[in-house]
Amino acid sequence: MSGRFYVIDRIFDAAELRLGLKRQQIVRIDRIAPQGTSKSKRRGA
């Protein structure tokens, strides 16, 4: 985390930010591969 911003690394295809204890608020971040890039060519796939 840098200030009020989170830095998301490209190692993962998806990430979740969960806020709260009992009733969580979930924010999901999905990475989309650039055009012309197949899934098998990416790191960590």
C-alpha atoms as a PDB file:
ATOM      1  CA  MET A   1       0.000   0.000   0.000  1.00  0.00           C
ATOM      2  CA  SER A   2       1.296   3.435  -0.893  1.00  0.00           C
ATOM      3  CA  GLY A   3      -0.602   6.270   0.783  1.00  0.00           C
ATOM      4  CA  ARG A   4      -4.272   5.618   0.025  1.00  0.00           C
ATOM      5  CA  PHE A   5      -3.550   3.434  -3.022  1.00  0.00           C
ATOM      6  CA  TYR A   6      -2.912  -0.291  -3.353  1.00  0.00           C
ATOM      7  CA  VAL A   7      -0.298  -1.490  -5.831  1.00  0.00           C
ATOM      8  CA  ILE A   8      -1.508  -4.580  -7.693  1.00  0.00           C
ATOM      9  CA  ASP A   9       1.190  -6.858  -9.093  1.00  0.00           C
ATOM     10  CA  ARG A  10       0.699  -8.578 -12.450  1.00  0.00           C
ATOM     11  CA  ILE A  11       1.750 -11.969 -11.029  1.00  0.00           C
ATOM     12  CA  PHE A  12      -1.856 -12.800 -10.181  1.00  0.00           C
ATOM     13  CA  ASP A  13      -4.834 -12.965 -12.538  1.00  0.00           C
ATOM     14  CA  ALA A  14      -7.286 -11.966  -9.800  1.00  0.00           C
ATOM     15  CA  ALA A  15      -7.275 -10.360  -6.362  1.00  0.00           C
ATOM     16  CA  GLU A  16      -9.896  -9.690  -3.694  1.00  0.00           C
ATOM     17  CA  LEU A  17     -10.040  -6.926  -1.113  1.00  0.00           C
ATOM     18  CA  ARG A  18     -12.317  -7.828   1.812  1.00  0.00           C
ATOM     19  CA  LEU A  19     -13.545  -5.175   4.252  1.00  0.00           C
ATOM     20  CA  GLY A  20     -15.400  -5.942   7.468  1.00  0.00           C
ATOM     21  CA  LEU A  21     -15.747  -8.906   9.776  1.00  0.00           C
ATOM     22  CA  LYS A  22     -19.231 -10.447   9.827  1.00  0.00           C
ATOM     23  CA  ARG A  23     -20.758  -8.944   6.679  1.00  0.00           C
ATOM     24  CA  GLN A  24     -17.794  -8.395   4.377  1.00  0.00           C
ATOM     25  CA  GLN A  25     -17.711  -5.977   1.488  1.00  0.00           C
ATOM     26  CA  ILE A  26     -15.740  -7.670  -1.303  1.00  0.00           C
ATOM     27  CA  VAL A  27     -13.981  -5.904  -4.170  1.00  0.00           C
ATOM     28  CA  ARG A  28     -12.653  -8.224  -6.889  1.00  0.00           C
ATOM     29  CA  ILE A  29      -9.983  -7.146  -9.362  1.00  0.00           C
ATOM     30  CA  ASP A  30      -9.534  -9.267 -12.505  1.00  0.00           C
ATOM     31  CA  ARG A  31      -6.638  -8.778 -14.888  1.00  0.00           C
ATOM     32  CA  ILE A  32      -7.356  -8.843 -18.600  1.00  0.00           C
ATOM     33  CA  ALA A  33      -4.525  -9.899 -20.933  1.00  0.00           C
ATOM     34  CA  PRO A  34      -3.560  -7.380 -23.637  1.00  0.00           C
ATOM     35  CA  GLN A  35      -4.809  -8.122 -27.156  1.00  0.00           C
ATOM     36  CA  GLY A  36      -2.599 -10.581 -29.029  1.00  0.00           C
ATOM     37  CA  THR A  37      -1.364 -12.277 -25.835  1.00  0.00           C
ATOM     38  CA  SER A  38      -2.456 -15.814 -25.167  1.00  0.00           C
ATOM     39  CA  LYS A  39      -3.020 -17.035 -21.614  1.00  0.00           C
ATOM     40  CA  SER A  40      -0.298 -19.702 -21.898  1.00  0.00           C
ATOM     41  CA  LYS A  41       2.417 -17.086 -22.601  1.00  0.00           C
ATOM     42  CA  ARG A  42       1.848 -15.148 -19.353  1.00  0.00           C
ATOM     43  CA  ARG A  43       3.903 -15.646 -16.227  1.00  0.00           C
ATOM     44  CA  GLY A  44       2.259 -17.731 -13.526  1.00  0.00           C
ATOM     45  CA  ALA A  45      -0.529 -19.009 -15.778  1.00  0.00           C
END
